[in-house]
Amino acid sequence: MAWLFVDATFGLSGDMMLSSLIALGVDPNRLASELAQLIPDHFALTATPVVQGGIHATHLVVDCEEGHTHRHARDLMTMVETSALSERIKTRSFAIIDHLARAEARVHGIDPGEVSFHEVGAVDSIIDMIGTAIALEWLEIEGLIFSPPALGHGTVHCQHGLYPIPAPATAYLLEGVPLAPFDAEGELMTPTGAALLKALADSVGPFNGAKILAIGYGAGSRTYADHPNVVRSMIFEPRTTVLAHDHQHEHHDQVALLSANLDDLPAELMAHAGQALLAAGALDVWMDPVIMKKGRPGVVLNALASPDLVDSLAALFFRETSTLGVRIQGPFERRSLARHKVTVDLGYGTVDVKVGSFEGKVVQAAPEYETVARLSQAIGKPAKLIYQDVAAHLEAEDPA
């Protein structure tokens, strides 16, 4: 099992991240062939060796014939969904696109699916996002840790004019993320880089590995006088348990509940609506069976979300279901356990476990079903026995 530590001390952009993975051994020609199945525009990838601040690094150059095309978030999602990519590549790609779309939607006050990505819709940015997901799969990376990233200062020219650094979408994406103290003139952290961190990071913090296996440096296109414009990615062998903190402390926030009664929507469209709500930012989605006023069986579709997403999710209810109205309740106060994820090494494979703590003590621990199912299929051991082995491991080793 290999993990990746991404050192973003001097910032992070999409091309720098992908360049560092090329430096770790991903073949750019093979990557171009894989991406050509998704991207209709003609393009070529060239990995160029460069020296940044005395450090030998790789800079990936994208040559393409495309003009400044605008693509919507849902177009990129469809591009990935209809591809022959593996499920984990699709999952990681969806997460990157979704985080970026939701941040841009907050900036412009629109629905995430309607976000037109401007610079991010260009071929090179699509390659950075989806190419990174593909490269991680080829390198067999199970999890990622990012160092606290640097932002830079000043202003940057965007599609809509001059913006402060960090750009608005970058700032939204990095809410709650610890930042590096390093500062320099210029945009060190781009929106695409922030989306990669937000979507892929199992934790943000210092390096925590047992053995470094390989190191790759990815360089950006700019050169600075006082520091190398590089991202350092290190493949490492984790310790028995790798902590990945989602919420390090008990969490208090507010949520709203959206609900609609449905008795004339096919089951497959009901499931599609639920997935669309989750993709648009709902915290949780569930369905309750009910008997409607005319005695017909029906379903109540429920979505729990941040209050600032109520309008966009209500609009999605109307677009994706047959309802004529949406009930909105709240906001309610929500209290959540401090949560983190541990990767448990059972000797014959690894399983991810969600751990919940209250006042510093572990009160919940549950294996991630997907990792149990994948291990069960790989080695032929019944899933229920893997669950038992995980429980025995956690009893012997406190996951806190």
Protein backbone atom coordinates (compact mmCIF):
# COMPACT_ATOMS: atom_id res chain seq x y z
CA MET A 1 0.00 0.00 0.00
CA ALA A 2 1.45 3.37 -1.05
CA TRP A 3 0.42 6.86 -0.04
CA LEU A 4 1.43 10.22 -1.45
CA PHE A 5 2.67 13.26 0.45
CA VAL A 6 2.25 16.47 -1.55
CA ASP A 7 4.54 19.23 -0.30
CA ALA A 8 2.75 22.48 -1.20
CA THR A 9 5.04 24.72 0.87
CA PHE A 10 5.50 27.01 -2.14
CA GLY A 11 1.92 26.65 -3.41
CA LEU A 12 0.06 24.31 -5.73
CA SER A 13 -1.44 24.39 -9.21
CA GLY A 14 -2.94 21.70 -11.41
CA ASP A 15 -0.02 21.54 -13.82
CA MET A 16 2.51 21.41 -10.98
CA MET A 17 0.65 18.54 -9.31
CA LEU A 18 0.42 16.52 -12.52
CA SER A 19 4.04 17.34 -13.41
CA SER A 20 5.19 15.90 -10.07
CA LEU A 21 3.34 12.66 -10.84
CA ILE A 22 4.98 12.54 -14.28
CA ALA A 23 8.32 12.91 -12.47
CA LEU A 24 7.35 9.89 -10.35
CA GLY A 25 7.11 7.71 -13.43
CA VAL A 26 3.77 8.29 -15.18
CA ASP A 27 4.31 8.08 -18.95
CA PRO A 28 3.00 11.32 -20.54
CA ASN A 29 2.43 9.61 -23.90
CA ARG A 30 0.32 6.88 -22.31
CA LEU A 31 -1.52 9.54 -20.32
CA ALA A 32 -2.24 11.51 -23.50
CA SER A 33 -3.65 8.39 -25.17
CA GLU A 34 -5.94 7.74 -22.20
CA LEU A 35 -7.15 11.34 -22.05
CA ALA A 36 -7.74 11.45 -25.82
CA GLN A 37 -10.68 9.08 -25.27
CA LEU A 38 -12.42 11.83 -23.26
CA ILE A 39 -11.25 15.06 -24.86
CA PRO A 40 -12.29 15.71 -28.48
CA ASP A 41 -9.77 18.51 -29.04
CA HIS A 42 -6.37 17.67 -30.49
CA PHE A 43 -3.59 18.02 -27.92
CA ALA A 44 -0.12 16.74 -27.04
CA LEU A 45 1.73 16.37 -23.73
CA THR A 46 5.45 17.08 -23.41
CA ALA A 47 7.38 16.51 -20.18
CA THR A 48 10.29 18.96 -20.09
CA PRO A 49 13.17 18.80 -17.57
CA VAL A 50 13.79 22.17 -15.92
CA VAL A 51 15.82 23.55 -13.01
CA GLN A 52 13.96 25.68 -10.46
CA GLY A 53 16.03 27.27 -7.71
CA GLY A 54 18.71 24.64 -8.18
CA ILE A 55 16.20 21.77 -8.06
CA HIS A 56 15.83 19.45 -11.04
CA ALA A 57 12.12 19.15 -11.79
CA THR A 58 9.62 18.22 -14.51
CA HIS A 59 7.33 20.69 -16.24
CA LEU A 60 4.43 19.27 -18.25
CA VAL A 61 3.48 21.35 -21.29
CA VAL A 62 0.06 20.97 -22.94
CA ASP A 63 -0.08 21.88 -26.64
CA CYS A 64 -3.61 22.12 -28.01
CA GLU A 65 -5.54 23.71 -30.86
CA GLU A 66 -8.57 24.64 -28.74
CA GLY A 67 -9.68 28.24 -28.42
CA HIS A 68 -10.89 29.66 -25.10
CA THR A 69 -13.82 27.25 -24.79
CA HIS A 70 -16.30 27.47 -21.92
CA ARG A 71 -17.51 24.14 -20.54
CA HIS A 72 -20.12 23.65 -17.84
CA ALA A 73 -19.54 21.49 -14.79
CA ARG A 74 -22.22 19.01 -15.85
CA ASP A 75 -20.49 18.66 -19.25
CA LEU A 76 -17.26 17.64 -17.55
CA MET A 77 -19.15 15.23 -15.28
CA THR A 78 -20.80 13.63 -18.31
CA MET A 79 -17.45 13.41 -20.08
CA VAL A 80 -16.08 11.39 -17.17
CA GLU A 81 -19.23 9.32 -16.52
CA THR A 82 -19.47 8.07 -20.12
CA SER A 83 -15.77 7.18 -20.31
CA ALA A 84 -14.16 3.79 -19.79
CA LEU A 85 -12.16 5.03 -16.79
CA SER A 86 -12.05 2.91 -13.63
CA GLU A 87 -14.49 3.65 -10.83
CA ARG A 88 -11.85 5.13 -8.53
CA ILE A 89 -10.59 7.44 -11.28
CA LYS A 90 -14.18 8.54 -11.91
CA THR A 91 -14.80 9.07 -8.19
CA ARG A 92 -11.68 11.20 -7.78
CA SER A 93 -12.42 13.16 -10.99
CA PHE A 94 -16.01 13.82 -9.89
CA ALA A 95 -14.80 15.05 -6.50
CA ILE A 96 -12.29 17.48 -8.03
CA ILE A 97 -14.81 18.91 -10.52
CA ASP A 98 -17.56 19.06 -7.90
CA HIS A 99 -15.48 20.94 -5.34
CA LEU A 100 -14.37 23.46 -7.95
CA ALA A 101 -17.93 23.89 -9.30
CA ARG A 102 -19.38 24.48 -5.84
CA ALA A 103 -16.71 27.07 -5.03
CA GLU A 104 -17.28 28.92 -8.31
CA ALA A 105 -21.05 28.72 -7.76
CA ARG A 106 -20.67 30.42 -4.38
CA VAL A 107 -18.59 33.18 -5.98
CA HIS A 108 -21.12 33.89 -8.73
CA GLY A 109 -24.36 32.99 -6.92
CA ILE A 110 -25.49 30.29 -9.37
CA ASP A 111 -26.20 26.57 -9.40
CA PRO A 112 -23.04 24.42 -9.39
CA GLY A 113 -24.14 22.51 -12.47
CA GLU A 114 -24.42 25.76 -14.40
CA VAL A 115 -20.88 26.91 -13.63
CA SER A 116 -18.99 27.73 -16.80
CA PHE A 117 -15.39 27.06 -15.95
CA HIS A 118 -13.73 29.62 -18.27
CA GLU A 119 -10.02 28.96 -17.70
CA VAL A 120 -10.82 25.64 -16.02
CA GLY A 121 -12.92 24.57 -19.01
CA ALA A 122 -9.87 24.77 -21.27
CA VAL A 123 -8.20 21.56 -22.34
CA ASP A 124 -5.08 22.04 -20.23
CA SER A 125 -7.09 22.44 -17.00
CA ILE A 126 -9.24 19.40 -17.76
CA ILE A 127 -6.03 17.45 -18.31
CA ASP A 128 -4.69 18.68 -14.97
CA MET A 129 -7.78 17.51 -13.08
CA ILE A 130 -8.64 14.21 -14.75
CA GLY A 131 -5.02 13.46 -15.60
CA THR A 132 -4.11 13.71 -11.92
CA ALA A 133 -6.85 11.20 -11.03
CA ILE A 134 -5.56 8.81 -13.71
CA ALA A 135 -1.93 9.23 -12.66
CA LEU A 136 -2.75 8.50 -9.01
CA GLU A 137 -4.44 5.27 -10.07
CA TRP A 138 -1.48 4.19 -12.20
CA LEU A 139 0.89 4.89 -9.31
CA GLU A 140 -1.43 2.81 -7.07
CA ILE A 141 -1.84 5.62 -4.55
CA GLU A 142 -4.30 4.67 -1.82
CA GLY A 143 -4.39 7.98 0.07
CA LEU A 144 -2.89 11.46 0.07
CA ILE A 145 -1.56 13.87 2.68
CA PHE A 146 -0.94 17.50 1.72
CA SER A 147 1.26 19.91 3.60
CA PRO A 148 -0.37 23.23 4.58
CA PRO A 149 -0.25 25.22 1.32
CA ALA A 150 1.06 28.73 0.66
CA LEU A 151 -1.24 31.28 -0.99
CA GLY A 152 0.86 34.27 -2.07
CA HIS A 153 -0.43 37.85 -2.22
CA GLY A 154 -1.28 40.58 -4.71
CA THR A 155 -3.77 40.43 -7.57
CA VAL A 156 -4.45 38.09 -10.47
CA HIS A 157 -6.19 38.59 -13.82
CA CYS A 158 -9.19 36.27 -14.27
CA GLN A 159 -12.01 35.98 -16.80
CA HIS A 160 -14.06 38.59 -14.95
CA GLY A 161 -11.22 41.04 -14.36
CA LEU A 162 -8.70 41.74 -11.62
CA TYR A 163 -9.15 39.70 -8.42
CA PRO A 164 -7.26 39.67 -5.11
CA ILE A 165 -5.05 36.73 -4.19
CA PRO A 166 -6.22 34.22 -3.16
CA ALA A 167 -8.82 34.23 -5.92
CA PRO A 168 -12.39 34.03 -4.55
CA ALA A 169 -12.91 30.39 -5.51
CA THR A 170 -9.53 29.45 -4.02
CA ALA A 171 -10.47 31.13 -0.73
CA TYR A 172 -13.76 29.22 -0.54
CA LEU A 173 -12.04 25.92 -1.30
CA LEU A 174 -9.50 26.45 1.46
CA GLU A 175 -12.00 27.25 4.22
CA GLY A 176 -10.88 25.31 7.29
CA VAL A 177 -7.55 24.26 5.72
CA PRO A 178 -4.39 25.13 7.69
CA LEU A 179 -2.07 27.35 5.62
CA ALA A 180 1.71 27.64 5.35
CA PRO A 181 3.39 30.77 6.72
CA PHE A 182 5.45 31.21 3.52
CA ASP A 183 4.43 34.29 1.52
CA ALA A 184 5.50 35.75 -1.82
CA GLU A 185 4.20 38.08 -4.51
CA GLY A 186 1.92 36.26 -6.96
CA GLU A 187 -0.71 33.51 -7.06
CA LEU A 188 0.98 30.51 -5.44
CA MET A 189 -2.25 28.54 -4.99
CA THR A 190 -4.62 28.38 -7.97
CA PRO A 191 -8.31 27.36 -7.87
CA THR A 192 -7.48 24.08 -9.61
CA GLY A 193 -4.71 23.39 -7.12
CA ALA A 194 -7.06 24.14 -4.23
CA ALA A 195 -9.72 21.83 -5.72
CA LEU A 196 -7.17 19.01 -6.00
CA LEU A 197 -6.23 19.47 -2.34
CA LYS A 198 -9.82 19.69 -1.14
CA ALA A 199 -10.98 16.67 -3.14
CA LEU A 200 -8.01 14.35 -2.68
CA ALA A 201 -6.52 15.12 0.73
CA ASP A 202 -7.14 12.54 3.42
CA SER A 203 -5.43 15.00 5.73
CA VAL A 204 -3.51 18.29 5.68
CA GLY A 205 -0.47 18.33 7.93
CA PRO A 206 3.14 17.23 8.31
CA PHE A 207 4.66 14.18 6.67
CA ASN A 208 3.81 11.03 8.62
CA GLY A 209 5.32 8.03 6.91
CA ALA A 210 7.56 5.11 7.75
CA LYS A 211 9.59 4.97 4.52
CA ILE A 212 9.94 7.25 1.46
CA LEU A 213 9.82 5.18 -1.72
CA ALA A 214 10.11 7.80 -4.48
CA ILE A 215 10.24 11.59 -4.93
CA GLY A 216 9.12 13.72 -7.86
CA TYR A 217 9.32 17.48 -8.35
CA GLY A 218 6.76 19.25 -10.54
CA ALA A 219 7.56 22.77 -11.72
CA GLY A 220 5.22 25.61 -12.62
CA SER A 221 5.71 27.98 -15.54
CA ARG A 222 6.75 30.98 -13.42
CA THR A 223 10.19 31.61 -11.96
CA TYR A 224 10.77 33.35 -8.62
CA ALA A 225 14.02 34.89 -7.44
CA ASP A 226 13.81 33.72 -3.83
CA HIS A 227 12.26 30.24 -4.01
CA PRO A 228 11.82 27.28 -6.38
CA ASN A 229 8.35 27.22 -7.96
CA VAL A 230 7.91 23.49 -7.42
CA VAL A 231 5.65 20.94 -5.79
CA ARG A 232 7.34 17.92 -4.23
CA SER A 233 5.38 14.66 -4.25
CA MET A 234 6.69 11.72 -2.25
CA ILE A 235 5.37 8.19 -2.46
CA PHE A 236 5.72 6.66 0.96
CA GLU A 237 4.99 3.55 2.91
CA PRO A 238 2.67 4.50 5.80
CA ARG A 239 2.93 3.41 9.36
CA THR A 240 0.51 0.72 10.55
CA THR A 241 -2.17 3.36 10.95
CA VAL A 242 -2.32 6.59 8.97
CA LEU A 243 -4.50 9.24 10.53
CA ALA A 244 -6.55 11.36 8.15
CA HIS A 245 -8.50 13.99 10.03
CA ASP A 246 -11.77 15.25 8.54
CA HIS A 247 -12.88 17.10 11.68
CA GLN A 248 -10.31 17.23 14.47
CA HIS A 249 -12.76 18.67 16.99
CA GLU A 250 -16.46 18.30 17.75
CA HIS A 251 -18.24 20.30 15.09
CA HIS A 252 -21.21 22.66 15.51
CA ASP A 253 -22.99 24.08 12.48
CA GLN A 254 -26.45 24.68 11.01
CA VAL A 255 -28.31 22.60 8.46
CA ALA A 256 -31.61 22.81 6.57
CA LEU A 257 -33.93 19.96 5.58
CA LEU A 258 -35.57 19.84 2.13
CA SER A 259 -38.33 17.26 1.50
CA ALA A 260 -40.79 16.34 -1.23
CA ASN A 261 -43.50 13.66 -1.48
CA LEU A 262 -43.32 11.63 -4.70
CA ASP A 263 -45.68 8.92 -5.94
CA ASP A 264 -45.26 9.09 -9.73
CA LEU A 265 -41.50 9.00 -10.26
CA PRO A 266 -39.81 5.77 -11.50
CA ALA A 267 -37.37 4.21 -9.08
CA GLU A 268 -34.35 4.75 -11.31
CA LEU A 269 -35.14 8.48 -11.62
CA MET A 270 -35.61 8.67 -7.85
CA ALA A 271 -32.13 7.23 -7.39
CA HIS A 272 -30.75 9.64 -9.98
CA ALA A 273 -32.30 12.61 -8.16
CA GLY A 274 -30.70 11.48 -4.89
CA GLN A 275 -27.27 11.22 -6.50
CA ALA A 276 -27.72 14.62 -8.15
CA LEU A 277 -28.52 16.19 -4.77
CA LEU A 278 -25.36 14.71 -3.26
CA ALA A 279 -23.27 15.90 -6.21
CA ALA A 280 -24.71 19.40 -5.75
CA GLY A 281 -23.53 19.57 -2.15
CA ALA A 282 -26.21 17.90 0.00
CA LEU A 283 -24.70 16.51 3.21
CA ASP A 284 -27.04 13.51 3.23
CA VAL A 285 -29.93 12.18 1.16
CA TRP A 286 -32.48 9.52 2.15
CA MET A 287 -35.91 8.23 1.18
CA ASP A 288 -38.83 7.30 3.44
CA PRO A 289 -41.67 5.03 2.23
CA VAL A 290 -45.14 6.52 2.87
CA ILE A 291 -48.79 5.96 1.95
CA MET A 292 -50.10 8.98 0.06
CA LYS A 293 -53.54 10.59 0.50
CA LYS A 294 -55.15 8.45 -2.24
CA GLY A 295 -53.81 5.24 -0.74
CA ARG A 296 -50.97 4.95 -3.20
CA PRO A 297 -47.47 4.04 -1.99
CA GLY A 298 -45.00 6.88 -2.31
CA VAL A 299 -41.61 8.09 -1.20
CA VAL A 300 -40.47 11.16 0.71
CA LEU A 301 -37.18 12.35 -0.76
CA ASN A 302 -35.12 14.18 1.87
CA ALA A 303 -31.93 16.20 1.59
CA LEU A 304 -29.88 17.67 4.43
CA ALA A 305 -27.73 20.62 3.45
CA SER A 306 -26.02 23.81 4.46
CA PRO A 307 -28.57 26.68 4.57
CA ASP A 308 -26.71 28.56 1.81
CA LEU A 309 -27.50 25.71 -0.62
CA VAL A 310 -31.26 25.71 -0.06
CA ASP A 311 -32.11 27.69 -3.20
CA SER A 312 -29.92 25.68 -5.56
CA LEU A 313 -31.06 22.32 -4.13
CA ALA A 314 -34.73 23.32 -4.25
CA ALA A 315 -34.24 24.17 -7.93
CA LEU A 316 -32.70 20.74 -8.42
CA PHE A 317 -35.75 19.07 -6.82
CA PHE A 318 -37.91 20.78 -9.44
CA ARG A 319 -35.61 19.86 -12.33
CA GLU A 320 -34.96 16.23 -11.44
CA THR A 321 -38.26 15.10 -9.86
CA SER A 322 -41.99 15.41 -10.52
CA THR A 323 -42.78 17.39 -7.37
CA LEU A 324 -44.78 20.61 -7.44
CA GLY A 325 -43.40 21.82 -4.12
CA VAL A 326 -40.50 21.43 -1.72
CA ARG A 327 -40.79 21.69 2.05
CA ILE A 328 -37.92 23.55 3.70
CA GLN A 329 -37.33 23.31 7.43
CA GLY A 330 -34.66 24.90 9.59
CA PRO A 331 -32.01 25.95 9.91
CA PHE A 332 -31.39 23.46 12.69
CA GLU A 333 -28.32 23.25 14.90
CA ARG A 334 -26.18 20.19 14.17
CA ARG A 335 -23.48 18.76 16.41
CA SER A 336 -21.02 16.24 14.97
CA LEU A 337 -18.38 14.03 16.50
CA ALA A 338 -14.74 14.77 15.82
CA ARG A 339 -14.05 12.50 12.88
CA HIS A 340 -11.00 11.04 11.27
CA LYS A 341 -10.16 8.08 9.09
CA VAL A 342 -7.59 5.41 9.84
CA THR A 343 -6.14 2.89 7.43
CA VAL A 344 -5.78 -0.45 9.18
CA ASP A 345 -3.20 -2.96 7.93
CA LEU A 346 -4.54 -6.46 8.58
CA GLY A 347 -1.47 -8.24 7.26
CA TYR A 348 -3.29 -9.53 4.18
CA GLY A 349 -4.58 -6.12 3.05
CA THR A 350 -5.79 -2.75 4.26
CA VAL A 351 -9.20 -1.37 5.24
CA ASP A 352 -10.25 2.24 5.83
CA VAL A 353 -12.13 2.88 9.07
CA LYS A 354 -14.16 5.93 10.06
CA VAL A 355 -13.56 6.90 13.68
CA GLY A 356 -15.71 9.26 15.74
CA SER A 357 -14.47 10.84 18.97
CA PHE A 358 -16.12 12.87 21.71
CA GLU A 359 -14.09 14.85 24.24
CA GLY A 360 -10.97 13.06 23.09
CA LYS A 361 -12.36 9.53 23.46
CA VAL A 362 -13.28 7.18 20.60
CA VAL A 363 -17.00 6.38 20.67
CA GLN A 364 -17.60 5.10 17.11
CA ALA A 365 -15.51 3.07 14.65
CA ALA A 366 -16.87 1.61 11.42
CA PRO A 367 -15.05 0.01 8.47
CA GLU A 368 -15.61 1.63 5.06
CA TYR A 369 -17.66 -0.99 3.21
CA GLU A 370 -16.08 -0.26 -0.18
CA THR A 371 -12.57 -1.07 1.03
CA VAL A 372 -13.82 -4.22 2.78
CA ALA A 373 -15.64 -5.36 -0.37
CA ARG A 374 -12.58 -4.66 -2.55
CA LEU A 375 -10.30 -6.65 -0.23
CA SER A 376 -12.84 -9.48 0.03
CA GLN A 377 -13.01 -9.78 -3.74
CA ALA A 378 -9.23 -9.58 -4.12
CA ILE A 379 -8.33 -12.36 -1.65
CA GLY A 380 -11.55 -14.40 -1.53
CA LYS A 381 -12.11 -13.92 2.20
CA PRO A 382 -15.72 -13.37 3.38
CA ALA A 383 -16.44 -9.73 4.16
CA LYS A 384 -17.92 -10.59 7.57
CA LEU A 385 -14.60 -12.15 8.63
CA ILE A 386 -12.73 -9.03 7.51
CA TYR A 387 -15.10 -6.96 9.64
CA GLN A 388 -14.26 -9.21 12.60
CA ASP A 389 -10.52 -8.83 11.97
CA VAL A 390 -10.87 -5.04 11.84
CA ALA A 391 -12.75 -5.04 15.15
CA ALA A 392 -10.05 -7.19 16.77
CA HIS A 393 -7.33 -4.87 15.42
CA LEU A 394 -9.06 -1.78 16.78
CA GLU A 395 -9.48 -3.39 20.19
CA ALA A 396 -5.75 -4.12 20.30
CA GLU A 397 -4.68 -0.71 18.97
CA ASP A 398 -6.53 2.43 20.07
CA PRO A 399 -7.32 4.36 16.82
CA ALA A 400 -7.48 7.71 18.61
